[in-house]
Amino acid sequence: MGLPAKKRSKQQKRERRSHHKMTAVSLTTCPKCKKPVRPHRVCPNCGYYKGRDVLEMDVKAERKKKRKKKREQKSTS
């Protein structure tokens, strides 16, 4: 098992770790609803991507409501 030949100074450690910083998430605006969206992803608000509606948000919203009702019925029972 290898061991370091010499101690690394504090400055050397800091210089090595300078590349470990976090980067901010880049955002663009959705051309349809003007909300911020990550690039190359479907808009979670309207389901729009590359000039067309990819997700049917109405159907998705209805399913969500049905699931919520079922959960409420289970919790009250």
Protein backbone atom coordinates (compact mmCIF):
# COMPACT_ATOMS: atom_id res chain seq x y z
CA MET A 1 0.00 0.00 0.00
CA GLY A 2 1.46 3.32 -1.06
CA LEU A 3 2.13 6.10 1.40
CA PRO A 4 2.74 9.79 0.66
CA ALA A 5 6.43 10.62 0.49
CA LYS A 6 5.93 14.12 1.92
CA LYS A 7 3.21 15.99 3.74
CA ARG A 8 0.95 18.13 1.56
CA SER A 9 0.79 21.70 2.77
CA LYS A 10 -2.53 23.43 3.48
CA GLN A 11 -2.08 25.55 0.38
CA GLN A 12 -1.57 22.51 -1.85
CA LYS A 13 -4.73 20.92 -0.45
CA ARG A 14 -6.74 24.08 -1.11
CA GLU A 15 -5.42 24.38 -4.66
CA ARG A 16 -6.34 20.76 -5.38
CA ARG A 17 -9.85 21.22 -3.96
CA SER A 18 -10.53 24.43 -5.86
CA HIS A 19 -12.07 22.38 -8.70
CA HIS A 20 -14.61 20.69 -6.40
CA LYS A 21 -16.92 23.70 -6.23
CA MET A 22 -20.63 23.46 -7.06
CA THR A 23 -22.03 25.10 -10.17
CA ALA A 24 -25.39 26.84 -10.38
CA VAL A 25 -28.17 25.17 -12.37
CA SER A 26 -28.67 26.87 -15.72
CA LEU A 27 -32.24 27.84 -16.56
CA THR A 28 -34.01 28.95 -19.72
CA THR A 29 -37.57 30.17 -20.21
CA CYS A 30 -40.32 28.04 -21.69
CA PRO A 31 -41.43 29.63 -24.99
CA LYS A 32 -45.07 28.73 -24.31
CA CYS A 33 -45.68 29.59 -20.63
CA LYS A 34 -42.58 31.75 -19.95
CA LYS A 35 -41.68 29.85 -16.74
CA PRO A 36 -38.05 28.88 -15.95
CA VAL A 37 -37.09 25.41 -17.20
CA ARG A 38 -33.84 23.45 -17.30
CA PRO A 39 -32.50 23.21 -20.87
CA HIS A 40 -33.32 20.14 -23.01
CA ARG A 41 -36.16 19.03 -20.71
CA VAL A 42 -39.94 19.02 -20.91
CA CYS A 43 -41.59 21.96 -19.15
CA PRO A 44 -43.18 20.58 -15.96
CA ASN A 45 -45.77 23.35 -16.01
CA CYS A 46 -47.23 22.99 -19.52
CA GLY A 47 -45.61 19.84 -20.97
CA TYR A 48 -44.09 21.68 -23.95
CA TYR A 49 -40.79 20.60 -25.60
CA LYS A 50 -39.21 21.38 -28.99
CA GLY A 51 -42.24 23.09 -30.51
CA ARG A 52 -44.89 20.56 -29.49
CA ASP A 53 -46.91 19.39 -26.52
CA VAL A 54 -45.22 16.23 -25.29
CA LEU A 55 -47.20 15.64 -22.09
CA GLU A 56 -50.95 15.82 -21.88
CA MET A 57 -51.19 17.87 -18.72
CA ASP A 58 -55.02 17.63 -18.46
CA VAL A 59 -54.94 13.82 -18.34
CA LYS A 60 -52.07 13.91 -15.87
CA ALA A 61 -53.95 16.34 -13.59
CA GLU A 62 -57.06 14.14 -13.63
CA ARG A 63 -55.05 11.06 -12.60
CA LYS A 64 -53.48 13.03 -9.80
CA LYS A 65 -56.90 14.09 -8.49
CA LYS A 66 -58.16 10.50 -8.58
CA ARG A 67 -55.13 9.26 -6.62
CA LYS A 68 -55.58 12.02 -4.07
CA LYS A 69 -59.24 11.07 -3.56
CA LYS A 70 -58.33 7.41 -3.07
CA ARG A 71 -55.69 8.31 -0.48
CA GLU A 72 -58.16 10.51 1.40
CA GLN A 73 -60.73 7.71 1.44
CA LYS A 74 -58.15 5.23 2.76
CA SER A 75 -56.97 7.58 5.49
CA THR A 76 -60.51 8.34 6.70
CA SER A 77 -61.50 4.66 6.72
